[in-house]
Amino acid sequence: MKILKTSLLPVVLLFIGAGSAFATNLAKEGKKALVEGYVIRDDQPQPCQDANIECQETGSVICTVNLGMGSEPVFEKAGTSCGNNLYFN
């Protein structure tokens, strides 16, 4: 009985550790969800205009779009104004 406990405990701990690592990885992947992007147009009644593009909240390359005025950075909408930059992969 004692041999069963001593050999079973490490196996159970191994599965718990692997399950925790898998769950953490899924949580990180979930944060990369796509968010609707907006551009800032100060000359409009509502300066935060829909850019018809989806980008991510995290990344290394700023998400941009060309809507006829050259390349413009894309932002996340926060309330009625444009908030944080959005990113490509």
N, C-alpha and C. Protein backbone atom coordinates (compact mmCIF):
# COMPACT_ATOMS: atom_id res chain seq x y z
N MET A 1 0.83 -1.20 0.00
CA MET A 1 0.00 0.00 0.00
C MET A 1 0.87 1.25 0.00
N LYS A 2 1.96 1.23 0.79
CA LYS A 2 2.84 2.39 0.87
C LYS A 2 3.54 2.63 -0.47
N ILE A 3 3.90 1.58 -1.17
CA ILE A 3 4.55 1.71 -2.48
C ILE A 3 3.57 2.33 -3.47
N LEU A 4 2.32 1.97 -3.39
CA LEU A 4 1.31 2.53 -4.27
C LEU A 4 1.17 4.03 -4.05
N LYS A 5 1.16 4.47 -2.80
CA LYS A 5 1.05 5.89 -2.47
C LYS A 5 2.28 6.67 -2.94
N THR A 6 3.46 6.12 -2.72
CA THR A 6 4.67 6.83 -3.08
C THR A 6 4.88 6.89 -4.59
N SER A 7 4.37 5.93 -5.32
CA SER A 7 4.52 5.97 -6.78
C SER A 7 3.35 6.72 -7.44
N LEU A 8 2.21 6.75 -6.79
CA LEU A 8 1.05 7.42 -7.35
C LEU A 8 1.09 8.93 -7.14
N LEU A 9 1.63 9.39 -6.03
CA LEU A 9 1.69 10.82 -5.74
C LEU A 9 2.45 11.62 -6.80
N PRO A 10 3.65 11.20 -7.22
CA PRO A 10 4.34 11.96 -8.27
C PRO A 10 3.57 12.01 -9.60
N VAL A 11 2.90 10.95 -9.92
CA VAL A 11 2.11 10.91 -11.17
C VAL A 11 0.95 11.90 -11.08
N VAL A 12 0.28 11.94 -9.95
CA VAL A 12 -0.83 12.87 -9.76
C VAL A 12 -0.32 14.31 -9.82
N LEU A 13 0.80 14.59 -9.17
CA LEU A 13 1.37 15.94 -9.20
C LEU A 13 1.80 16.32 -10.61
N LEU A 14 2.30 15.37 -11.37
CA LEU A 14 2.68 15.64 -12.75
C LEU A 14 1.46 16.05 -13.57
N PHE A 15 0.35 15.35 -13.42
CA PHE A 15 -0.87 15.69 -14.15
C PHE A 15 -1.44 17.04 -13.71
N ILE A 16 -1.35 17.34 -12.44
CA ILE A 16 -1.82 18.65 -11.96
C ILE A 16 -0.97 19.76 -12.55
N GLY A 17 0.34 19.57 -12.58
CA GLY A 17 1.24 20.57 -13.16
C GLY A 17 0.99 20.78 -14.65
N ALA A 18 0.81 19.68 -15.36
CA ALA A 18 0.56 19.78 -16.80
C ALA A 18 -0.78 20.46 -17.06
N GLY A 19 -1.78 20.14 -16.28
CA GLY A 19 -3.09 20.78 -16.43
C GLY A 19 -3.04 22.26 -16.14
N SER A 20 -2.27 22.64 -15.13
CA SER A 20 -2.12 24.07 -14.81
C SER A 20 -1.40 24.81 -15.93
N ALA A 21 -0.38 24.22 -16.49
CA ALA A 21 0.35 24.85 -17.59
C ALA A 21 -0.55 25.01 -18.81
N PHE A 22 -1.33 24.01 -19.09
CA PHE A 22 -2.26 24.07 -20.23
C PHE A 22 -3.30 25.17 -20.01
N ALA A 23 -3.84 25.27 -18.80
CA ALA A 23 -4.85 26.29 -18.50
C ALA A 23 -4.25 27.69 -18.59
N THR A 24 -3.01 27.87 -18.15
CA THR A 24 -2.35 29.17 -18.24
C THR A 24 -2.14 29.56 -19.69
N ASN A 25 -1.73 28.61 -20.51
CA ASN A 25 -1.52 28.87 -21.93
C ASN A 25 -2.83 29.27 -22.60
N LEU A 26 -3.92 28.62 -22.27
CA LEU A 26 -5.22 28.97 -22.83
C LEU A 26 -5.64 30.38 -22.41
N ALA A 27 -5.35 30.74 -21.17
CA ALA A 27 -5.70 32.08 -20.69
C ALA A 27 -4.92 33.14 -21.46
N LYS A 28 -3.65 32.89 -21.75
CA LYS A 28 -2.85 33.84 -22.51
C LYS A 28 -3.37 33.97 -23.94
N GLU A 29 -3.75 32.86 -24.54
CA GLU A 29 -4.28 32.88 -25.91
C GLU A 29 -5.60 33.63 -25.95
N GLY A 30 -6.39 33.52 -24.89
CA GLY A 30 -7.68 34.20 -24.84
C GLY A 30 -7.55 35.71 -24.85
N LYS A 31 -6.43 36.23 -24.35
CA LYS A 31 -6.22 37.67 -24.30
C LYS A 31 -5.94 38.25 -25.69
N LYS A 32 -5.67 37.41 -26.66
CA LYS A 32 -5.36 37.86 -27.99
C LYS A 32 -6.61 37.95 -28.86
N ALA A 33 -7.73 38.15 -28.23
CA ALA A 33 -8.97 38.26 -28.96
C ALA A 33 -8.97 39.52 -29.81
N LEU A 34 -9.67 39.48 -30.91
CA LEU A 34 -9.74 40.63 -31.80
C LEU A 34 -10.69 41.68 -31.26
N VAL A 35 -10.32 42.94 -31.46
CA VAL A 35 -11.10 44.08 -30.99
C VAL A 35 -11.37 44.99 -32.18
N GLU A 36 -12.56 45.53 -32.26
CA GLU A 36 -12.91 46.47 -33.33
C GLU A 36 -12.04 47.72 -33.22
N GLY A 37 -11.46 48.14 -34.35
CA GLY A 37 -10.56 49.28 -34.36
C GLY A 37 -11.23 50.57 -34.79
N TYR A 38 -10.70 51.68 -34.30
CA TYR A 38 -11.23 53.02 -34.60
C TYR A 38 -10.06 53.96 -34.91
N VAL A 39 -10.33 54.97 -35.74
CA VAL A 39 -9.34 56.01 -36.03
C VAL A 39 -9.82 57.33 -35.45
N ILE A 40 -8.88 58.24 -35.20
CA ILE A 40 -9.23 59.55 -34.64
C ILE A 40 -9.41 60.54 -35.78
N ARG A 41 -10.56 61.16 -35.81
CA ARG A 41 -10.88 62.21 -36.79
C ARG A 41 -11.39 63.41 -36.02
N ASP A 42 -10.49 64.35 -35.71
CA ASP A 42 -10.83 65.51 -34.89
C ASP A 42 -11.83 66.45 -35.57
N ASP A 43 -11.91 66.40 -36.90
CA ASP A 43 -12.81 67.30 -37.62
C ASP A 43 -14.24 66.78 -37.68
N GLN A 44 -14.53 65.64 -37.08
CA GLN A 44 -15.86 65.04 -37.09
C GLN A 44 -16.57 65.28 -35.75
N PRO A 45 -17.92 65.29 -35.75
CA PRO A 45 -18.66 65.45 -34.48
C PRO A 45 -18.30 64.36 -33.46
N GLN A 46 -18.08 63.13 -33.96
CA GLN A 46 -17.61 62.04 -33.11
C GLN A 46 -16.20 61.69 -33.57
N PRO A 47 -15.16 62.17 -32.85
CA PRO A 47 -13.78 62.01 -33.31
C PRO A 47 -13.32 60.56 -33.44
N CYS A 48 -13.94 59.63 -32.75
CA CYS A 48 -13.53 58.23 -32.80
C CYS A 48 -14.41 57.51 -33.84
N GLN A 49 -13.85 57.32 -35.05
CA GLN A 49 -14.61 56.76 -36.17
C GLN A 49 -14.25 55.29 -36.40
N ASP A 50 -15.25 54.48 -36.72
CA ASP A 50 -15.05 53.06 -36.98
C ASP A 50 -14.14 52.87 -38.19
N ALA A 51 -13.11 52.03 -38.07
CA ALA A 51 -12.15 51.80 -39.14
C ALA A 51 -12.45 50.51 -39.91
N ASN A 52 -13.46 49.77 -39.51
CA ASN A 52 -13.83 48.50 -40.15
C ASN A 52 -12.65 47.53 -40.22
N ILE A 53 -11.91 47.42 -39.13
CA ILE A 53 -10.80 46.49 -39.02
C ILE A 53 -10.76 45.98 -37.59
N GLU A 54 -10.32 44.73 -37.43
CA GLU A 54 -10.16 44.14 -36.10
C GLU A 54 -8.68 43.90 -35.84
N CYS A 55 -8.22 44.29 -34.67
CA CYS A 55 -6.82 44.12 -34.27
C CYS A 55 -6.78 43.56 -32.86
N GLN A 56 -5.57 43.34 -32.35
CA GLN A 56 -5.39 42.78 -31.02
C GLN A 56 -4.96 43.85 -30.02
N GLU A 57 -5.25 43.58 -28.74
CA GLU A 57 -4.89 44.52 -27.68
C GLU A 57 -3.41 44.49 -27.34
N THR A 58 -2.72 43.40 -27.68
CA THR A 58 -1.29 43.28 -27.39
C THR A 58 -0.55 42.90 -28.66
N GLY A 59 0.72 43.21 -28.69
CA GLY A 59 1.55 42.86 -29.83
C GLY A 59 2.74 43.78 -29.91
N SER A 60 3.45 43.70 -31.02
CA SER A 60 4.65 44.52 -31.18
C SER A 60 4.55 45.48 -32.36
N VAL A 61 3.62 45.24 -33.28
CA VAL A 61 3.46 46.11 -34.45
C VAL A 61 2.11 46.81 -34.36
N ILE A 62 2.13 48.14 -34.36
CA ILE A 62 0.89 48.91 -34.23
C ILE A 62 0.01 48.68 -35.45
N CYS A 63 -1.25 48.43 -35.21
CA CYS A 63 -2.23 48.20 -36.26
C CYS A 63 -2.54 49.53 -36.96
N THR A 64 -2.50 49.52 -38.30
CA THR A 64 -2.79 50.71 -39.08
C THR A 64 -3.80 50.38 -40.16
N VAL A 65 -4.43 51.42 -40.69
CA VAL A 65 -5.40 51.26 -41.77
C VAL A 65 -5.30 52.48 -42.69
N ASN A 66 -5.58 52.28 -43.96
CA ASN A 66 -5.59 53.38 -44.93
C ASN A 66 -7.02 53.58 -45.38
N LEU A 67 -7.63 54.66 -44.91
CA LEU A 67 -9.02 54.97 -45.26
C LEU A 67 -9.09 56.20 -46.18
N GLY A 68 -8.06 56.37 -47.02
CA GLY A 68 -8.04 57.48 -47.94
C GLY A 68 -7.25 58.68 -47.47
N MET A 69 -6.75 58.63 -46.24
CA MET A 69 -5.96 59.75 -45.71
C MET A 69 -4.56 59.28 -45.35
N GLY A 70 -4.08 58.24 -46.01
CA GLY A 70 -2.78 57.67 -45.68
C GLY A 70 -2.90 56.66 -44.55
N SER A 71 -1.79 56.13 -44.14
CA SER A 71 -1.77 55.12 -43.08
C SER A 71 -2.03 55.79 -41.72
N GLU A 72 -3.05 55.30 -41.02
CA GLU A 72 -3.43 55.87 -39.72
C GLU A 72 -3.39 54.78 -38.65
N PRO A 73 -2.93 55.11 -37.44
CA PRO A 73 -2.96 54.12 -36.35
C PRO A 73 -4.39 53.83 -35.93
N VAL A 74 -4.59 52.61 -35.47
CA VAL A 74 -5.92 52.15 -35.06
C VAL A 74 -5.95 52.06 -33.54
N PHE A 75 -7.07 52.49 -32.95
CA PHE A 75 -7.23 52.54 -31.50
C PHE A 75 -8.43 51.73 -31.05
N GLU A 76 -8.41 51.38 -29.77
CA GLU A 76 -9.54 50.72 -29.13
C GLU A 76 -10.49 51.81 -28.65
N LYS A 77 -11.79 51.61 -28.79
CA LYS A 77 -12.76 52.60 -28.33
C LYS A 77 -12.98 52.42 -26.84
N ALA A 78 -12.86 53.53 -26.11
CA ALA A 78 -13.08 53.54 -24.66
C ALA A 78 -14.16 54.57 -24.37
N GLY A 79 -15.38 54.10 -24.19
CA GLY A 79 -16.50 55.02 -23.99
C GLY A 79 -16.82 55.73 -25.29
N THR A 80 -16.67 57.05 -25.32
CA THR A 80 -16.95 57.81 -26.54
C THR A 80 -15.67 58.29 -27.22
N SER A 81 -14.50 57.96 -26.66
CA SER A 81 -13.24 58.40 -27.26
C SER A 81 -12.36 57.21 -27.61
N CYS A 82 -11.34 57.45 -28.42
CA CYS A 82 -10.38 56.41 -28.78
C CYS A 82 -9.35 56.29 -27.67
N GLY A 83 -9.11 55.08 -27.24
CA GLY A 83 -8.19 54.86 -26.12
C GLY A 83 -6.84 54.34 -26.56
N ASN A 84 -6.52 53.11 -26.21
CA ASN A 84 -5.20 52.52 -26.43
C ASN A 84 -4.99 52.11 -27.88
N ASN A 85 -3.70 52.11 -28.29
CA ASN A 85 -3.34 51.58 -29.60
C ASN A 85 -3.69 50.11 -29.69
N LEU A 86 -4.00 49.66 -30.90
CA LEU A 86 -4.20 48.25 -31.16
C LEU A 86 -3.05 47.76 -32.02
N TYR A 87 -2.85 46.42 -32.05
CA TYR A 87 -1.68 45.83 -32.68
C TYR A 87 -2.05 44.69 -33.61
N PHE A 88 -1.14 44.44 -34.59
CA PHE A 88 -1.20 43.21 -35.39
C PHE A 88 -0.61 42.11 -34.54
N ASN A 89 -0.60 40.87 -35.04
CA ASN A 89 -0.05 39.72 -34.33
C ASN A 89 1.14 40.13 -33.56
